[in-house]
Amino acid sequence: YEAIASWRDDLVLPLTRQSRIVEAHHFMLQHEVSGPVNAITQ
């Protein structure tokens, strides 16, 4: 995928984001919580 977002020169790229994503308080939303990793993005 490609995405346009703000630039942060303090981030070291490339990186891998690993977290646990579950449904949030609103049915339209997801959010990260503590627990076993189920979502990985490079």
All heavy atoms as atom14 arrays in JSON, in Angstrom:
{
  "sequence": "YEAIASWRDDLVLPLTRQSRIVEAHHFMLQHEVSGPVNAITQ",
  "atom14_mask": [
    [1, 1, 1, 1, 1, 1, 1, 1, 1, 1, 1, 1, 0, 0],
    [1, 1, 1, 1, 1, 1, 1, 1, 1, 0, 0, 0, 0, 0],
    [1, 1, 1, 1, 1, 0, 0, 0, 0, 0, 0, 0, 0, 0],
    [1, 1, 1, 1, 1, 1, 1, 1, 0, 0, 0, 0, 0, 0],
    [1, 1, 1, 1, 1, 0, 0, 0, 0, 0, 0, 0, 0, 0],
    [1, 1, 1, 1, 1, 1, 0, 0, 0, 0, 0, 0, 0, 0],
    [1, 1, 1, 1, 1, 1, 1, 1, 1, 1, 1, 1, 1, 1],
    [1, 1, 1, 1, 1, 1, 1, 1, 1, 1, 1, 0, 0, 0],
    [1, 1, 1, 1, 1, 1, 1, 1, 0, 0, 0, 0, 0, 0],
    [1, 1, 1, 1, 1, 1, 1, 1, 0, 0, 0, 0, 0, 0],
    [1, 1, 1, 1, 1, 1, 1, 1, 0, 0, 0, 0, 0, 0],
    [1, 1, 1, 1, 1, 1, 1, 0, 0, 0, 0, 0, 0, 0],
    [1, 1, 1, 1, 1, 1, 1, 1, 0, 0, 0, 0, 0, 0],
    [1, 1, 1, 1, 1, 1, 1, 0, 0, 0, 0, 0, 0, 0],
    [1, 1, 1, 1, 1, 1, 1, 1, 0, 0, 0, 0, 0, 0],
    [1, 1, 1, 1, 1, 1, 1, 0, 0, 0, 0, 0, 0, 0],
    [1, 1, 1, 1, 1, 1, 1, 1, 1, 1, 1, 0, 0, 0],
    [1, 1, 1, 1, 1, 1, 1, 1, 1, 0, 0, 0, 0, 0],
    [1, 1, 1, 1, 1, 1, 0, 0, 0, 0, 0, 0, 0, 0],
    [1, 1, 1, 1, 1, 1, 1, 1, 1, 1, 1, 0, 0, 0],
    [1, 1, 1, 1, 1, 1, 1, 1, 0, 0, 0, 0, 0, 0],
    [1, 1, 1, 1, 1, 1, 1, 0, 0, 0, 0, 0, 0, 0],
    [1, 1, 1, 1, 1, 1, 1, 1, 1, 0, 0, 0, 0, 0],
    [1, 1, 1, 1, 1, 0, 0, 0, 0, 0, 0, 0, 0, 0],
    [1, 1, 1, 1, 1, 1, 1, 1, 1, 1, 0, 0, 0, 0],
    [1, 1, 1, 1, 1, 1, 1, 1, 1, 1, 0, 0, 0, 0],
    [1, 1, 1, 1, 1, 1, 1, 1, 1, 1, 1, 0, 0, 0],
    [1, 1, 1, 1, 1, 1, 1, 1, 0, 0, 0, 0, 0, 0],
    [1, 1, 1, 1, 1, 1, 1, 1, 0, 0, 0, 0, 0, 0],
    [1, 1, 1, 1, 1, 1, 1, 1, 1, 0, 0, 0, 0, 0],
    [1, 1, 1, 1, 1, 1, 1, 1, 1, 1, 0, 0, 0, 0],
    [1, 1, 1, 1, 1, 1, 1, 1, 1, 0, 0, 0, 0, 0],
    [1, 1, 1, 1, 1, 1, 1, 0, 0, 0, 0, 0, 0, 0],
    [1, 1, 1, 1, 1, 1, 0, 0, 0, 0, 0, 0, 0, 0],
    [1, 1, 1, 1, 0, 0, 0, 0, 0, 0, 0, 0, 0, 0],
    [1, 1, 1, 1, 1, 1, 1, 0, 0, 0, 0, 0, 0, 0],
    [1, 1, 1, 1, 1, 1, 1, 0, 0, 0, 0, 0, 0, 0],
    [1, 1, 1, 1, 1, 1, 1, 1, 0, 0, 0, 0, 0, 0],
    [1, 1, 1, 1, 1, 0, 0, 0, 0, 0, 0, 0, 0, 0],
    [1, 1, 1, 1, 1, 1, 1, 1, 0, 0, 0, 0, 0, 0],
    [1, 1, 1, 1, 1, 1, 1, 0, 0, 0, 0, 0, 0, 0],
    [1, 1, 1, 1, 1, 1, 1, 1, 1, 0, 0, 0, 0, 0]
  ],
  "atom14_positions": [
    [[0.84, -1.18, 0.0], [0.0, 0.0, 0.0], [0.88, 1.24, 0.0], [2.07, 1.18, 0.37], [-0.88, 0.05, 1.26], [-1.99, -0.96, 1.3], [-1.74, -2.32, 1.48], [-3.32, -0.56, 1.21], [-2.77, -3.25, 1.55], [-4.36, -1.49, 1.28], [-4.06, -2.82, 1.45], [-5.09, -3.73, 1.51], [0.0, 0.0, 0.0], [0.0, 0.0, 0.0]],
    [[0.28, 2.35, -0.4], [0.94, 3.65, -0.24], [0.01, 4.55, 0.56], [-1.22, 4.43, 0.48], [1.25, 4.28, -1.6], [2.37, 3.59, -2.35], [2.77, 4.31, -3.62], [2.22, 5.42, -3.87], [3.62, 3.8, -4.36], [0.0, 0.0, 0.0], [0.0, 0.0, 0.0], [0.0, 0.0, 0.0], [0.0, 0.0, 0.0], [0.0, 0.0, 0.0]],
    [[0.6, 5.43, 1.35], [-0.18, 6.37, 2.15], [0.55, 7.7, 2.22], [1.79, 7.74, 2.2], [-0.4, 5.82, 3.55], [0.0, 0.0, 0.0], [0.0, 0.0, 0.0], [0.0, 0.0, 0.0], [0.0, 0.0, 0.0], [0.0, 0.0, 0.0], [0.0, 0.0, 0.0], [0.0, 0.0, 0.0], [0.0, 0.0, 0.0], [0.0, 0.0, 0.0]],
    [[-0.22, 8.77, 2.31], [0.34, 10.1, 2.51], [0.05, 10.52, 3.95], [-1.1, 10.46, 4.41], [-0.27, 11.14, 1.55], [-0.11, 10.69, 0.1], [0.34, 12.52, 1.77], [1.3, 10.58, -0.38], [0.0, 0.0, 0.0], [0.0, 0.0, 0.0], [0.0, 0.0, 0.0], [0.0, 0.0, 0.0], [0.0, 0.0, 0.0], [0.0, 0.0, 0.0]],
    [[1.09, 10.94, 4.66], [0.94, 11.38, 6.05], [2.07, 12.37, 6.36], [2.99, 12.58, 5.55], [0.99, 10.2, 7.01], [0.0, 0.0, 0.0], [0.0, 0.0, 0.0], [0.0, 0.0, 0.0], [0.0, 0.0, 0.0], [0.0, 0.0, 0.0], [0.0, 0.0, 0.0], [0.0, 0.0, 0.0], [0.0, 0.0, 0.0], [0.0, 0.0, 0.0]],
    [[2.0, 12.96, 7.53], [3.04, 13.9, 7.95], [4.39, 13.2, 8.0], [4.49, 11.98, 8.19], [2.71, 14.47, 9.34], [1.5, 15.18, 9.31], [0.0, 0.0, 0.0], [0.0, 0.0, 0.0], [0.0, 0.0, 0.0], [0.0, 0.0, 0.0], [0.0, 0.0, 0.0], [0.0, 0.0, 0.0], [0.0, 0.0, 0.0], [0.0, 0.0, 0.0]],
    [[5.43, 14.0, 7.85], [6.79, 13.46, 7.93], [7.35, 13.67, 9.33], [7.22, 14.75, 9.9], [7.69, 14.13, 6.91], [9.16, 13.83, 7.09], [10.16, 14.72, 7.32], [9.77, 12.53, 7.03], [11.37, 14.07, 7.42], [11.16, 12.72, 7.23], [9.28, 11.25, 6.82], [12.07, 11.66, 7.24], [10.18, 10.18, 6.84], [11.55, 10.39, 7.04]],
    [[7.92, 12.64, 9.9], [8.58, 12.72, 11.2], [10.03, 12.28, 11.03], [10.3, 11.1, 10.79], [7.89, 11.81, 12.22], [6.59, 12.35, 12.8], [6.06, 11.42, 13.88], [7.06, 11.21, 14.92], [6.92, 10.34, 15.93], [5.8, 9.62, 16.02], [7.86, 10.2, 16.83], [0.0, 0.0, 0.0], [0.0, 0.0, 0.0], [0.0, 0.0, 0.0]],
    [[10.96, 13.24, 11.12], [12.37, 12.88, 10.92], [12.99, 12.22, 12.14], [14.15, 11.79, 12.1], [13.19, 14.1, 10.5], [13.08, 15.26, 11.48], [12.55, 15.06, 12.59], [13.5, 16.37, 11.11], [0.0, 0.0, 0.0], [0.0, 0.0, 0.0], [0.0, 0.0, 0.0], [0.0, 0.0, 0.0], [0.0, 0.0, 0.0], [0.0, 0.0, 0.0]],
    [[12.2, 12.12, 13.25], [12.72, 11.44, 14.42], [12.45, 9.94, 14.4], [12.98, 9.19, 15.23], [12.1, 12.04, 15.69], [10.59, 11.91, 15.72], [9.96, 12.13, 14.66], [10.03, 11.59, 16.78], [0.0, 0.0, 0.0], [0.0, 0.0, 0.0], [0.0, 0.0, 0.0], [0.0, 0.0, 0.0], [0.0, 0.0, 0.0], [0.0, 0.0, 0.0]],
    [[11.67, 9.48, 13.43], [11.42, 8.05, 13.29], [12.49, 7.41, 12.43], [12.89, 7.96, 11.4], [10.06, 7.79, 12.65], [8.81, 7.97, 13.51], [7.57, 7.7, 12.67], [8.84, 7.05, 14.72], [0.0, 0.0, 0.0], [0.0, 0.0, 0.0], [0.0, 0.0, 0.0], [0.0, 0.0, 0.0], [0.0, 0.0, 0.0], [0.0, 0.0, 0.0]],
    [[12.97, 6.26, 12.85], [13.95, 5.52, 12.07], [13.21, 4.54, 11.17], [12.52, 3.63, 11.65], [14.94, 4.77, 12.99], [15.92, 3.97, 12.14], [15.67, 5.74, 13.9], [0.0, 0.0, 0.0], [0.0, 0.0, 0.0], [0.0, 0.0, 0.0], [0.0, 0.0, 0.0], [0.0, 0.0, 0.0], [0.0, 0.0, 0.0], [0.0, 0.0, 0.0]],
    [[13.31, 4.75, 9.88], [12.62, 3.91, 8.9], [13.63, 3.16, 8.04], [14.71, 3.68, 7.77], [11.71, 4.78, 8.02], [10.58, 5.51, 8.74], [9.86, 6.45, 7.79], [9.59, 4.52, 9.33], [0.0, 0.0, 0.0], [0.0, 0.0, 0.0], [0.0, 0.0, 0.0], [0.0, 0.0, 0.0], [0.0, 0.0, 0.0], [0.0, 0.0, 0.0]],
    [[13.31, 1.96, 7.58], [12.02, 1.26, 7.77], [11.85, 0.74, 9.2], [12.84, 0.55, 9.91], [12.1, 0.12, 6.77], [13.55, -0.17, 6.63], [14.24, 1.17, 6.75], [0.0, 0.0, 0.0], [0.0, 0.0, 0.0], [0.0, 0.0, 0.0], [0.0, 0.0, 0.0], [0.0, 0.0, 0.0], [0.0, 0.0, 0.0], [0.0, 0.0, 0.0]],
    [[10.59, 0.51, 9.58], [10.27, -0.06, 10.88], [9.12, -1.04, 10.73], [8.41, -1.03, 9.73], [9.93, 1.04, 11.9], [8.72, 1.95, 11.66], [7.39, 1.27, 12.03], [8.84, 3.23, 12.48], [0.0, 0.0, 0.0], [0.0, 0.0, 0.0], [0.0, 0.0, 0.0], [0.0, 0.0, 0.0], [0.0, 0.0, 0.0], [0.0, 0.0, 0.0]],
    [[8.95, -1.86, 11.75], [7.84, -2.8, 11.78], [6.99, -2.52, 13.0], [7.5, -2.55, 14.13], [8.34, -4.26, 11.83], [9.13, -4.53, 10.67], [7.16, -5.23, 11.87], [0.0, 0.0, 0.0], [0.0, 0.0, 0.0], [0.0, 0.0, 0.0], [0.0, 0.0, 0.0], [0.0, 0.0, 0.0], [0.0, 0.0, 0.0], [0.0, 0.0, 0.0]],
    [[5.73, -2.21, 12.78], [4.79, -1.95, 13.88], [4.08, -3.26, 14.21], [3.43, -3.86, 13.33], [3.77, -0.89, 13.48], [2.77, -0.53, 14.59], [3.42, 0.29, 15.68], [2.46, 0.66, 16.72], [2.76, 1.49, 17.72], [3.98, 2.04, 17.79], [1.87, 1.78, 18.65], [0.0, 0.0, 0.0], [0.0, 0.0, 0.0], [0.0, 0.0, 0.0]],
    [[4.21, -3.69, 15.47], [3.57, -4.91, 15.93], [2.72, -4.59, 17.15], [3.22, -3.99, 18.1], [4.59, -5.98, 16.3], [5.54, -6.35, 15.16], [6.45, -7.5, 15.54], [5.99, -8.61, 15.81], [7.74, -7.24, 15.58], [0.0, 0.0, 0.0], [0.0, 0.0, 0.0], [0.0, 0.0, 0.0], [0.0, 0.0, 0.0], [0.0, 0.0, 0.0]],
    [[1.45, -4.97, 17.13], [0.58, -4.67, 18.26], [-0.63, -5.6, 18.23], [-0.79, -6.42, 17.32], [0.12, -3.21, 18.21], [-0.73, -2.99, 17.09], [0.0, 0.0, 0.0], [0.0, 0.0, 0.0], [0.0, 0.0, 0.0], [0.0, 0.0, 0.0], [0.0, 0.0, 0.0], [0.0, 0.0, 0.0], [0.0, 0.0, 0.0], [0.0, 0.0, 0.0]],
    [[-1.47, -5.42, 19.22], [-2.74, -6.15, 19.26], [-3.86, -5.15, 18.97], [-4.02, -4.15, 19.67], [-2.96, -6.8, 20.62], [-4.25, -7.62, 20.68], [-4.33, -8.48, 21.92], [-5.5, -9.34, 21.88], [-5.57, -10.49, 21.2], [-4.53, -10.89, 20.49], [-6.66, -11.22, 21.21], [0.0, 0.0, 0.0], [0.0, 0.0, 0.0], [0.0, 0.0, 0.0]],
    [[-4.65, -5.43, 17.91], [-5.76, -4.55, 17.5], [-7.08, -5.27, 17.75], [-7.26, -6.42, 17.32], [-5.63, -4.15, 16.02], [-4.39, -3.28, 15.8], [-6.87, -3.41, 15.55], [-4.15, -2.87, 14.36], [0.0, 0.0, 0.0], [0.0, 0.0, 0.0], [0.0, 0.0, 0.0], [0.0, 0.0, 0.0], [0.0, 0.0, 0.0], [0.0, 0.0, 0.0]],
    [[-7.98, -4.59, 18.44], [-9.32, -5.14, 18.71], [-10.34, -4.04, 18.48], [-10.01, -2.86, 18.32], [-9.44, -5.66, 20.16], [-8.45, -6.8, 20.41], [-9.23, -4.54, 21.17], [0.0, 0.0, 0.0], [0.0, 0.0, 0.0], [0.0, 0.0, 0.0], [0.0, 0.0, 0.0], [0.0, 0.0, 0.0], [0.0, 0.0, 0.0], [0.0, 0.0, 0.0]],
    [[-11.61, -4.43, 18.49], [-12.69, -3.46, 18.31], [-12.73, -2.48, 19.48], [-12.57, -2.87, 20.64], [-14.02, -4.2, 18.2], [-15.19, -3.32, 17.82], [-16.45, -4.1, 17.54], [-16.43, -4.95, 16.62], [-17.45, -3.89, 18.26], [0.0, 0.0, 0.0], [0.0, 0.0, 0.0], [0.0, 0.0, 0.0], [0.0, 0.0, 0.0], [0.0, 0.0, 0.0]],
    [[-12.94, -1.2, 19.16], [-12.96, -0.16, 20.18], [-14.38, 0.05, 20.71], [-15.3, -0.73, 20.43], [-12.4, 1.13, 19.61], [0.0, 0.0, 0.0], [0.0, 0.0, 0.0], [0.0, 0.0, 0.0], [0.0, 0.0, 0.0], [0.0, 0.0, 0.0], [0.0, 0.0, 0.0], [0.0, 0.0, 0.0], [0.0, 0.0, 0.0], [0.0, 0.0, 0.0]],
    [[-14.59, 1.15, 21.44], [-15.89, 1.44, 22.06], [-16.97, 1.75, 21.03], [-18.15, 1.6, 21.3], [-15.74, 2.63, 23.01], [-15.28, 3.88, 22.33], [-13.96, 4.09, 21.97], [-15.97, 4.98, 21.9], [-13.85, 5.27, 21.37], [-15.04, 5.82, 21.31], [0.0, 0.0, 0.0], [0.0, 0.0, 0.0], [0.0, 0.0, 0.0], [0.0, 0.0, 0.0]],
    [[-16.55, 2.19, 19.83], [-17.49, 2.51, 18.77], [-17.36, 1.44, 17.68], [-16.25, 1.03, 17.32], [-17.18, 3.89, 18.18], [-18.24, 4.43, 17.26], [-18.39, 3.96, 15.97], [-19.2, 5.37, 17.44], [-19.38, 4.61, 15.38], [-19.9, 5.46, 16.25], [0.0, 0.0, 0.0], [0.0, 0.0, 0.0], [0.0, 0.0, 0.0], [0.0, 0.0, 0.0]],
    [[-18.5, 0.97, 17.13], [-18.47, -0.14, 16.17], [-17.66, 0.18, 14.91], [-17.21, -0.74, 14.21], [-19.89, -0.55, 15.79], [-20.58, 0.39, 14.83], [-20.57, 0.14, 13.46], [-21.21, 1.55, 15.28], [-21.19, 0.99, 12.58], [-21.83, 2.4, 14.4], [-21.82, 2.14, 13.05], [0.0, 0.0, 0.0], [0.0, 0.0, 0.0], [0.0, 0.0, 0.0]],
    [[-17.45, 1.45, 14.64], [-16.7, 1.84, 13.44], [-15.19, 1.78, 13.67], [-14.41, 1.82, 12.71], [-17.07, 3.28, 13.04], [-18.43, 3.42, 12.4], [-18.45, 2.75, 10.73], [-17.37, 3.92, 9.89], [0.0, 0.0, 0.0], [0.0, 0.0, 0.0], [0.0, 0.0, 0.0], [0.0, 0.0, 0.0], [0.0, 0.0, 0.0], [0.0, 0.0, 0.0]],
    [[-14.76, 1.7, 14.93], [-13.35, 1.9, 15.25], [-12.66, 0.65, 15.8], [-13.29, -0.2, 16.42], [-13.21, 3.03, 16.27], [-13.77, 4.39, 15.86], [-13.65, 5.37, 17.02], [-13.06, 4.92, 14.63], [0.0, 0.0, 0.0], [0.0, 0.0, 0.0], [0.0, 0.0, 0.0], [0.0, 0.0, 0.0], [0.0, 0.0, 0.0], [0.0, 0.0, 0.0]],
    [[-11.37, 0.61, 15.57], [-10.47, -0.37, 16.17], [-9.43, 0.4, 16.99], [-9.2, 1.59, 16.75], [-9.77, -1.2, 15.09], [-10.68, -1.9, 14.11], [-11.38, -3.08, 14.7], [-12.55, -3.01, 15.05], [-10.67, -4.19, 14.83], [0.0, 0.0, 0.0], [0.0, 0.0, 0.0], [0.0, 0.0, 0.0], [0.0, 0.0, 0.0], [0.0, 0.0, 0.0]],
    [[-8.76, -0.3, 17.9], [-7.67, 0.36, 18.62], [-6.68, -0.68, 19.13], [-6.96, -1.87, 19.16], [-8.2, 1.24, 19.76], [-8.84, 0.48, 20.89], [-9.04, 1.02, 22.14], [-9.34, -0.79, 20.96], [-9.64, 0.14, 22.92], [-9.83, -0.96, 22.23], [0.0, 0.0, 0.0], [0.0, 0.0, 0.0], [0.0, 0.0, 0.0], [0.0, 0.0, 0.0]],
    [[-5.51, -0.18, 19.52], [-4.46, -1.04, 20.03], [-4.66, -1.25, 21.53], [-5.01, -0.32, 22.26], [-3.08, -0.43, 19.78], [-2.68, -0.39, 18.32], [-1.27, 0.13, 18.12], [-0.84, 1.02, 18.89], [-0.6, -0.35, 17.2], [0.0, 0.0, 0.0], [0.0, 0.0, 0.0], [0.0, 0.0, 0.0], [0.0, 0.0, 0.0], [0.0, 0.0, 0.0]],
    [[-4.4, -2.49, 21.98], [-4.46, -2.82, 23.39], [-3.26, -3.7, 23.71], [-2.57, -4.19, 22.81], [-5.77, -3.57, 23.76], [-6.99, -2.69, 23.49], [-5.88, -4.88, 22.99], [0.0, 0.0, 0.0], [0.0, 0.0, 0.0], [0.0, 0.0, 0.0], [0.0, 0.0, 0.0], [0.0, 0.0, 0.0], [0.0, 0.0, 0.0], [0.0, 0.0, 0.0]],
    [[-3.02, -3.89, 25.0], [-1.94, -4.78, 25.4], [-2.37, -6.22, 25.17], [-3.56, -6.54, 25.16], [-1.57, -4.56, 26.87], [-2.71, -4.79, 27.69], [0.0, 0.0, 0.0], [0.0, 0.0, 0.0], [0.0, 0.0, 0.0], [0.0, 0.0, 0.0], [0.0, 0.0, 0.0], [0.0, 0.0, 0.0], [0.0, 0.0, 0.0], [0.0, 0.0, 0.0]],
    [[-1.4, -7.1, 24.98], [-1.71, -8.5, 24.76], [-0.93, -9.07, 23.59], [-0.12, -8.36, 22.96], [0.0, 0.0, 0.0], [0.0, 0.0, 0.0], [0.0, 0.0, 0.0], [0.0, 0.0, 0.0], [0.0, 0.0, 0.0], [0.0, 0.0, 0.0], [0.0, 0.0, 0.0], [0.0, 0.0, 0.0], [0.0, 0.0, 0.0], [0.0, 0.0, 0.0]],
    [[-1.16, -10.33, 23.28], [-0.43, -10.99, 22.18], [-0.62, -10.25, 20.85], [-1.71, -9.8, 20.53], [-1.06, -12.38, 22.13], [-1.64, -12.6, 23.49], [-2.09, -11.25, 23.95], [0.0, 0.0, 0.0], [0.0, 0.0, 0.0], [0.0, 0.0, 0.0], [0.0, 0.0, 0.0], [0.0, 0.0, 0.0], [0.0, 0.0, 0.0], [0.0, 0.0, 0.0]],
    [[0.45, -10.13, 20.1], [0.42, -9.43, 18.81], [-0.47, -10.17, 17.82], [-0.38, -11.39, 17.67], [1.85, -9.32, 18.24], [1.82, -8.83, 16.79], [2.69, -8.38, 19.1], [0.0, 0.0, 0.0], [0.0, 0.0, 0.0], [0.0, 0.0, 0.0], [0.0, 0.0, 0.0], [0.0, 0.0, 0.0], [0.0, 0.0, 0.0], [0.0, 0.0, 0.0]],
    [[-1.35, -9.41, 17.15], [-2.17, -9.99, 16.08], [-2.16, -9.13, 14.82], [-2.88, -9.42, 13.87], [-3.61, -10.22, 16.55], [-4.36, -8.93, 16.86], [-3.81, -7.83, 16.75], [-5.61, -9.05, 17.26], [0.0, 0.0, 0.0], [0.0, 0.0, 0.0], [0.0, 0.0, 0.0], [0.0, 0.0, 0.0], [0.0, 0.0, 0.0], [0.0, 0.0, 0.0]],
    [[-1.35, -8.04, 14.85], [-1.3, -7.13, 13.69], [0.14, -6.67, 13.47], [0.77, -6.13, 14.39], [-2.21, -5.93, 13.92], [0.0, 0.0, 0.0], [0.0, 0.0, 0.0], [0.0, 0.0, 0.0], [0.0, 0.0, 0.0], [0.0, 0.0, 0.0], [0.0, 0.0, 0.0], [0.0, 0.0, 0.0], [0.0, 0.0, 0.0], [0.0, 0.0, 0.0]],
    [[0.63, -6.88, 12.26], [2.02, -6.52, 11.93], [2.03, -5.76, 10.62], [1.48, -6.21, 9.62], [2.91, -7.77, 11.8], [2.86, -8.62, 13.08], [4.35, -7.4, 11.47], [3.55, -9.97, 12.95], [0.0, 0.0, 0.0], [0.0, 0.0, 0.0], [0.0, 0.0, 0.0], [0.0, 0.0, 0.0], [0.0, 0.0, 0.0], [0.0, 0.0, 0.0]],
    [[2.68, -4.58, 10.61], [2.8, -3.76, 9.4], [4.23, -3.28, 9.25], [4.83, -2.77, 10.21], [1.88, -2.53, 9.47], [0.53, -2.94, 9.68], [1.96, -1.72, 8.18], [0.0, 0.0, 0.0], [0.0, 0.0, 0.0], [0.0, 0.0, 0.0], [0.0, 0.0, 0.0], [0.0, 0.0, 0.0], [0.0, 0.0, 0.0], [0.0, 0.0, 0.0]],
    [[4.77, -3.42, 8.05], [6.09, -2.88, 7.75], [5.92, -1.5, 7.11], [5.11, -1.34, 6.2], [6.84, -3.82, 6.81], [7.1, -5.19, 7.43], [7.59, -6.22, 6.43], [7.46, -6.05, 5.23], [8.16, -7.31, 6.94], [0.0, 0.0, 0.0], [0.0, 0.0, 0.0], [0.0, 0.0, 0.0], [0.0, 0.0, 0.0], [0.0, 0.0, 0.0]]
  ]
}
